[in-house]
Amino acid sequence: MEQFALCDVVMTQIKVSGGTTHSFATADEISCEPVIEEGETKNLTIKNKLIASKQVPDMVLGHDITCKDNVFSPSLLADIQGGTVEDSEGFAKYTAPNVGAMPNTKAFEFIAYVEVVGDDGPTGEYLKYTFPNCKGSFISPNFKDGDYYANEYTIKSRPALNTSLYTVDLVSELPVGVVAFKHPALETEEELID
């Protein structure tokens, strides 16, 4: 039986249908909760006597995913919960969706790369988890003195009927040409080195 020891969320991606792919290495915690419609027990009772009993099986509808990202990413926030981002040579303003209006959110794939580890450390392989047909929900900003800000994205994955809940692929490399984490200080450092 093949087994994999897994450690660390190496990279996370949100692939918006027909649009942007957000790749980030700042998420350190992902949890998935299956959404289940519980089957009922159907009993046949005649004159207070149980004649027959049949259990209707549970049906899995998808997953509720929580992804904790440890930085504020305006364009990612806009694609997950709606709203708009204004850029003028860098981030200027994020405006959340209007009160009483349906948010203009887009469907996306949620992808998480988790590192495969052996007895002598990382193997150079990753398990790539892909959850289809996802939609985001509203995020409440929370702040506390002495603690870094973190977004908790709540994502609902509801695949179409007769399609897989999710897939897991064994891959030997992360996406080519993806900048996993972009920060102005890092860019300046790279320019100085060049």
C-alpha atoms as a PDB file:
ATOM      1  CA  MET A   1       0.000   0.000   0.000  1.00  0.00           C
ATOM      2  CA  GLU A   2       1.481   3.351  -1.066  1.00  0.00           C
ATOM      3  CA  GLN A   3       1.496   5.988   1.661  1.00  0.00           C
ATOM      4  CA  PHE A   4       2.513   9.657   1.757  1.00  0.00           C
ATOM      5  CA  ALA A   5       3.707  11.696   4.719  1.00  0.00           C
ATOM      6  CA  LEU A   6       2.521  15.278   4.159  1.00  0.00           C
ATOM      7  CA  CYS A   7       3.677  18.529   5.744  1.00  0.00           C
ATOM      8  CA  ASP A   8       3.173  22.242   5.040  1.00  0.00           C
ATOM      9  CA  VAL A   9       0.912  24.160   2.678  1.00  0.00           C
ATOM     10  CA  VAL A  10       3.544  25.070   0.089  1.00  0.00           C
ATOM     11  CA  MET A  11       1.353  27.051  -2.301  1.00  0.00           C
ATOM     12  CA  THR A  12      -2.304  27.840  -2.799  1.00  0.00           C
ATOM     13  CA  GLN A  13      -4.008  28.923  -6.009  1.00  0.00           C
ATOM     14  CA  ILE A  14      -7.363  30.386  -6.895  1.00  0.00           C
ATOM     15  CA  LYS A  15      -8.079  29.993 -10.630  1.00  0.00           C
ATOM     16  CA  VAL A  16     -10.964  32.275 -11.562  1.00  0.00           C
ATOM     17  CA  SER A  17     -13.062  30.927 -14.455  1.00  0.00           C
ATOM     18  CA  GLY A  18     -11.956  32.720 -17.613  1.00  0.00           C
ATOM     19  CA  GLY A  19      -9.757  35.115 -15.672  1.00  0.00           C
ATOM     20  CA  THR A  20      -6.927  35.558 -13.216  1.00  0.00           C
ATOM     21  CA  THR A  21      -4.947  32.934 -11.317  1.00  0.00           C
ATOM     22  CA  HIS A  22      -3.910  34.037  -7.840  1.00  0.00           C
ATOM     23  CA  SER A  23      -0.909  32.079  -6.510  1.00  0.00           C
ATOM     24  CA  PHE A  24       0.202  32.643  -2.940  1.00  0.00           C
ATOM     25  CA  ALA A  25       2.518  30.988  -0.432  1.00  0.00           C
ATOM     26  CA  THR A  26       1.244  32.949   2.570  1.00  0.00           C
ATOM     27  CA  ALA A  27      -1.515  30.535   3.607  1.00  0.00           C
ATOM     28  CA  ASP A  28      -0.479  28.232   6.429  1.00  0.00           C
ATOM     29  CA  GLU A  29      -3.744  26.508   7.307  1.00  0.00           C
ATOM     30  CA  ILE A  30      -6.485  24.924   5.223  1.00  0.00           C
ATOM     31  CA  SER A  31      -9.420  22.937   6.565  1.00  0.00           C
ATOM     32  CA  CYS A  32     -12.154  21.144   4.629  1.00  0.00           C
ATOM     33  CA  GLU A  33     -15.550  20.216   6.020  1.00  0.00           C
ATOM     34  CA  PRO A  34     -17.817  17.966   3.909  1.00  0.00           C
ATOM     35  CA  VAL A  35     -21.345  19.275   3.328  1.00  0.00           C
ATOM     36  CA  ILE A  36     -23.654  16.320   3.815  1.00  0.00           C
ATOM     37  CA  GLU A  37     -27.378  15.956   3.320  1.00  0.00           C
ATOM     38  CA  GLU A  38     -28.237  13.308   5.855  1.00  0.00           C
ATOM     39  CA  GLY A  39     -30.427  10.440   4.713  1.00  0.00           C
ATOM     40  CA  GLU A  40     -33.552   9.636   6.677  1.00  0.00           C
ATOM     41  CA  THR A  41     -34.692   6.345   8.068  1.00  0.00           C
ATOM     42  CA  LYS A  42     -38.011   5.324   6.507  1.00  0.00           C
ATOM     43  CA  ASN A  43     -40.022   3.019   8.721  1.00  0.00           C
ATOM     44  CA  LEU A  44     -43.150   1.019   7.945  1.00  0.00           C
ATOM     45  CA  THR A  45     -45.199   0.767  11.122  1.00  0.00           C
ATOM     46  CA  ILE A  46     -48.552  -1.009  11.267  1.00  0.00           C
ATOM     47  CA  LYS A  47     -50.611  -1.004  14.476  1.00  0.00           C
ATOM     48  CA  ASN A  48     -47.627   0.202  16.497  1.00  0.00           C
ATOM     49  CA  LYS A  49     -45.482  -2.640  15.222  1.00  0.00           C
ATOM     50  CA  LEU A  50     -42.337  -2.024  13.140  1.00  0.00           C
ATOM     51  CA  ILE A  51     -42.664  -4.056   9.945  1.00  0.00           C
ATOM     52  CA  ALA A  52     -39.738  -2.727   7.917  1.00  0.00           C
ATOM     53  CA  SER A  53     -37.018  -0.111   8.093  1.00  0.00           C
ATOM     54  CA  LYS A  54     -34.891   1.345   5.331  1.00  0.00           C
ATOM     55  CA  GLN A  55     -32.019   3.816   5.719  1.00  0.00           C
ATOM     56  CA  VAL A  56     -31.651   6.328   2.891  1.00  0.00           C
ATOM     57  CA  PRO A  57     -27.879   6.923   2.487  1.00  0.00           C
ATOM     58  CA  ASP A  58     -26.223  10.261   3.185  1.00  0.00           C
ATOM     59  CA  MET A  59     -25.405  12.413   0.150  1.00  0.00           C
ATOM     60  CA  VAL A  60     -22.236  14.525  -0.049  1.00  0.00           C
ATOM     61  CA  LEU A  61     -22.836  17.871  -1.817  1.00  0.00           C
ATOM     62  CA  GLY A  62     -19.354  19.403  -1.623  1.00  0.00           C
ATOM     63  CA  HIS A  63     -17.002  21.014   0.890  1.00  0.00           C
ATOM     64  CA  ASP A  64     -16.785  24.155   2.964  1.00  0.00           C
ATOM     65  CA  ILE A  65     -13.111  25.151   2.879  1.00  0.00           C
ATOM     66  CA  THR A  66     -11.431  27.565   5.275  1.00  0.00           C
ATOM     67  CA  CYS A  67      -8.125  29.014   4.081  1.00  0.00           C
ATOM     68  CA  LYS A  68      -6.119  31.181   6.471  1.00  0.00           C
ATOM     69  CA  ASP A  69      -3.941  33.636   4.570  1.00  0.00           C
ATOM     70  CA  ASN A  70      -1.510  35.701   6.616  1.00  0.00           C
ATOM     71  CA  VAL A  71      -1.424  38.854   4.492  1.00  0.00           C
ATOM     72  CA  PHE A  72      -3.924  41.273   2.959  1.00  0.00           C
ATOM     73  CA  SER A  73      -4.298  40.741  -0.823  1.00  0.00           C
ATOM     74  CA  PRO A  74      -6.819  43.228  -2.278  1.00  0.00           C
ATOM     75  CA  SER A  75      -7.254  41.628  -5.731  1.00  0.00           C
ATOM     76  CA  LEU A  76      -7.708  38.169  -4.175  1.00  0.00           C
ATOM     77  CA  LEU A  77     -10.260  39.588  -1.729  1.00  0.00           C
ATOM     78  CA  ALA A  78     -12.189  41.177  -4.606  1.00  0.00           C
ATOM     79  CA  ASP A  79     -12.349  37.881  -6.529  1.00  0.00           C
ATOM     80  CA  ILE A  80     -13.426  35.894  -3.454  1.00  0.00           C
ATOM     81  CA  GLN A  81     -16.037  38.197  -1.880  1.00  0.00           C
ATOM     82  CA  GLY A  82     -16.725  40.716  -4.665  1.00  0.00           C
ATOM     83  CA  GLY A  83     -16.065  44.433  -4.652  1.00  0.00           C
ATOM     84  CA  THR A  84     -13.565  46.505  -6.602  1.00  0.00           C
ATOM     85  CA  VAL A  85      -9.889  47.441  -6.375  1.00  0.00           C
ATOM     86  CA  GLU A  86      -8.490  50.791  -7.487  1.00  0.00           C
ATOM     87  CA  ASP A  87      -4.857  50.816  -8.602  1.00  0.00           C
ATOM     88  CA  SER A  88      -2.742  53.862  -9.310  1.00  0.00           C
ATOM     89  CA  GLU A  89       0.837  52.606  -9.549  1.00  0.00           C
ATOM     90  CA  GLY A  90       0.034  50.076  -6.819  1.00  0.00           C
ATOM     91  CA  PHE A  91      -2.876  49.505  -4.483  1.00  0.00           C
ATOM     92  CA  ALA A  92      -4.952  52.608  -3.703  1.00  0.00           C
ATOM     93  CA  LYS A  93      -8.375  51.450  -2.465  1.00  0.00           C
ATOM     94  CA  TYR A  94     -10.599  48.403  -2.022  1.00  0.00           C
ATOM     95  CA  THR A  95     -14.389  48.909  -1.962  1.00  0.00           C
ATOM     96  CA  ALA A  96     -16.505  46.058  -0.593  1.00  0.00           C
ATOM     97  CA  PRO A  97     -19.822  45.049  -2.224  1.00  0.00           C
ATOM     98  CA  ASN A  98     -22.817  47.335  -1.623  1.00  0.00           C
ATOM     99  CA  VAL A  99     -25.263  46.693   1.208  1.00  0.00           C
ATOM    100  CA  GLY A 100     -28.386  44.890   0.014  1.00  0.00           C
ATOM    101  CA  ALA A 101     -26.876  43.961  -3.351  1.00  0.00           C
ATOM    102  CA  MET A 102     -25.930  40.513  -4.510  1.00  0.00           C
ATOM    103  CA  PRO A 103     -22.122  40.351  -4.646  1.00  0.00           C
ATOM    104  CA  ASN A 104     -20.625  39.881  -8.097  1.00  0.00           C
ATOM    105  CA  THR A 105     -18.503  36.847  -7.266  1.00  0.00           C
ATOM    106  CA  LYS A 106     -16.979  34.524  -9.837  1.00  0.00           C
ATOM    107  CA  ALA A 107     -16.654  30.743  -9.814  1.00  0.00           C
ATOM    108  CA  PHE A 108     -13.125  29.439  -9.309  1.00  0.00           C
ATOM    109  CA  GLU A 109     -11.018  26.347  -8.643  1.00  0.00           C
ATOM    110  CA  PHE A 110      -9.282  26.162  -5.273  1.00  0.00           C
ATOM    111  CA  ILE A 111      -5.896  24.386  -5.448  1.00  0.00           C
ATOM    112  CA  ALA A 112      -3.548  23.529  -2.587  1.00  0.00           C
ATOM    113  CA  TYR A 113      -0.042  22.084  -2.949  1.00  0.00           C
ATOM    114  CA  VAL A 114       1.105  20.054   0.082  1.00  0.00           C
ATOM    115  CA  GLU A 115       4.704  18.838   0.413  1.00  0.00           C
ATOM    116  CA  VAL A 116       5.493  15.103   0.426  1.00  0.00           C
ATOM    117  CA  VAL A 117       8.159  14.284   3.027  1.00  0.00           C
ATOM    118  CA  GLY A 118      10.326  11.167   3.419  1.00  0.00           C
ATOM    119  CA  ASP A 119      12.549   9.897   6.237  1.00  0.00           C
ATOM    120  CA  ASP A 120      15.376  12.167   5.021  1.00  0.00           C
ATOM    121  CA  GLY A 121      13.262  15.302   4.436  1.00  0.00           C
ATOM    122  CA  PRO A 122      11.325  16.710   1.451  1.00  0.00           C
ATOM    123  CA  THR A 123      11.080  14.373  -1.544  1.00  0.00           C
ATOM    124  CA  GLY A 124      10.643  17.135  -4.154  1.00  0.00           C
ATOM    125  CA  GLU A 125       7.083  15.967  -4.783  1.00  0.00           C
ATOM    126  CA  TYR A 126       3.762  17.546  -3.877  1.00  0.00           C
ATOM    127  CA  LEU A 127       0.159  16.435  -3.646  1.00  0.00           C
ATOM    128  CA  LYS A 128      -2.005  18.879  -5.575  1.00  0.00           C
ATOM    129  CA  TYR A 129      -5.573  19.050  -4.236  1.00  0.00           C
ATOM    130  CA  THR A 130      -8.093  20.633  -6.645  1.00  0.00           C
ATOM    131  CA  PHE A 131     -11.618  21.576  -5.528  1.00  0.00           C
ATOM    132  CA  PRO A 132     -13.937  22.558  -8.440  1.00  0.00           C
ATOM    133  CA  ASN A 133     -16.799  25.046  -8.736  1.00  0.00           C
ATOM    134  CA  CYS A 134     -15.987  27.236  -5.739  1.00  0.00           C
ATOM    135  CA  LYS A 135     -17.574  30.476  -4.563  1.00  0.00           C
ATOM    136  CA  GLY A 136     -16.333  32.766  -1.830  1.00  0.00           C
ATOM    137  CA  SER A 137     -18.252  34.406   0.991  1.00  0.00           C
ATOM    138  CA  PHE A 138     -17.885  37.584   3.034  1.00  0.00           C
ATOM    139  CA  ILE A 139     -14.780  38.100   5.140  1.00  0.00           C
ATOM    140  CA  SER A 140     -14.849  40.021   8.415  1.00  0.00           C
ATOM    141  CA  PRO A 141     -11.634  41.938   9.094  1.00  0.00           C
ATOM    142  CA  ASN A 142     -10.323  41.411  12.632  1.00  0.00           C
ATOM    143  CA  PHE A 143      -7.378  43.150  14.254  1.00  0.00           C
ATOM    144  CA  LYS A 144      -5.532  42.711  17.555  1.00  0.00           C
ATOM    145  CA  ASP A 145      -2.549  44.548  19.023  1.00  0.00           C
ATOM    146  CA  GLY A 146       0.663  42.581  18.711  1.00  0.00           C
ATOM    147  CA  ASP A 147      -0.813  40.065  16.226  1.00  0.00           C
ATOM    148  CA  TYR A 148      -0.357  40.115  12.478  1.00  0.00           C
ATOM    149  CA  TYR A 149      -3.491  40.489  10.394  1.00  0.00           C
ATOM    150  CA  ALA A 150      -4.772  37.323   8.703  1.00  0.00           C
ATOM    151  CA  ASN A 151      -7.724  36.739   6.377  1.00  0.00           C
ATOM    152  CA  GLU A 152      -9.822  33.629   6.798  1.00  0.00           C
ATOM    153  CA  TYR A 153     -11.431  32.888   3.466  1.00  0.00           C
ATOM    154  CA  THR A 154     -14.535  30.700   3.603  1.00  0.00           C
ATOM    155  CA  ILE A 155     -14.947  28.932   0.287  1.00  0.00           C
ATOM    156  CA  LYS A 156     -17.882  26.765  -0.782  1.00  0.00           C
ATOM    157  CA  SER A 157     -17.037  24.036  -3.294  1.00  0.00           C
ATOM    158  CA  ARG A 158     -20.181  22.604  -4.892  1.00  0.00           C
ATOM    159  CA  PRO A 159     -19.291  20.416  -7.893  1.00  0.00           C
ATOM    160  CA  ALA A 160     -21.885  19.697 -10.570  1.00  0.00           C
ATOM    161  CA  LEU A 161     -23.870  16.457 -10.347  1.00  0.00           C
ATOM    162  CA  ASN A 162     -21.951  13.331 -11.360  1.00  0.00           C
ATOM    163  CA  THR A 163     -18.568  15.068 -11.100  1.00  0.00           C
ATOM    164  CA  SER A 164     -15.819  14.407  -8.577  1.00  0.00           C
ATOM    165  CA  LEU A 165     -15.776  16.216  -5.203  1.00  0.00           C
ATOM    166  CA  TYR A 166     -12.043  16.888  -5.641  1.00  0.00           C
ATOM    167  CA  THR A 167      -8.919  15.417  -7.214  1.00  0.00           C
ATOM    168  CA  VAL A 168      -5.446  14.700  -5.823  1.00  0.00           C
ATOM    169  CA  ASP A 169      -2.487  14.641  -8.243  1.00  0.00           C
ATOM    170  CA  LEU A 170       1.108  13.696  -7.431  1.00  0.00           C
ATOM    171  CA  VAL A 171       3.312  16.366  -9.049  1.00  0.00           C
ATOM    172  CA  SER A 172       7.076  16.868  -9.033  1.00  0.00           C
ATOM    173  CA  GLU A 173       7.131  20.639  -9.443  1.00  0.00           C
ATOM    174  CA  LEU A 174       5.146  23.752  -8.655  1.00  0.00           C
ATOM    175  CA  PRO A 175       3.601  25.780 -11.504  1.00  0.00           C
ATOM    176  CA  VAL A 176       6.271  27.245 -13.789  1.00  0.00           C
ATOM    177  CA  GLY A 177       6.698  31.005 -13.806  1.00  0.00           C
ATOM    178  CA  VAL A 178       4.525  31.554 -10.730  1.00  0.00           C
ATOM    179  CA  VAL A 179       5.638  34.190  -8.262  1.00  0.00           C
ATOM    180  CA  ALA A 180       4.368  32.691  -5.020  1.00  0.00           C
ATOM    181  CA  PHE A 181       4.880  35.787  -2.868  1.00  0.00           C
ATOM    182  CA  LYS A 182       5.331  39.338  -4.107  1.00  0.00           C
ATOM    183  CA  HIS A 183       6.322  42.178  -1.798  1.00  0.00           C
ATOM    184  CA  PRO A 184       7.729  45.610  -2.784  1.00  0.00           C
ATOM    185  CA  ALA A 185      10.745  45.157  -0.484  1.00  0.00           C
ATOM    186  CA  LEU A 186      11.629  41.865  -2.182  1.00  0.00           C
ATOM    187  CA  GLU A 187      11.310  43.424  -5.641  1.00  0.00           C
ATOM    188  CA  THR A 188      13.662  46.254  -4.671  1.00  0.00           C
ATOM    189  CA  GLU A 189      16.167  43.725  -3.305  1.00  0.00           C
ATOM    190  CA  GLU A 190      16.017  41.768  -6.607  1.00  0.00           C
ATOM    191  CA  GLU A 191      16.603  44.984  -8.617  1.00  0.00           C
ATOM    192  CA  LEU A 192      19.691  45.793  -6.504  1.00  0.00           C
ATOM    193  CA  ILE A 193      21.119  42.309  -7.104  1.00  0.00           C
ATOM    194  CA  ASP A 194      20.570  42.595 -10.885  1.00  0.00           C
END
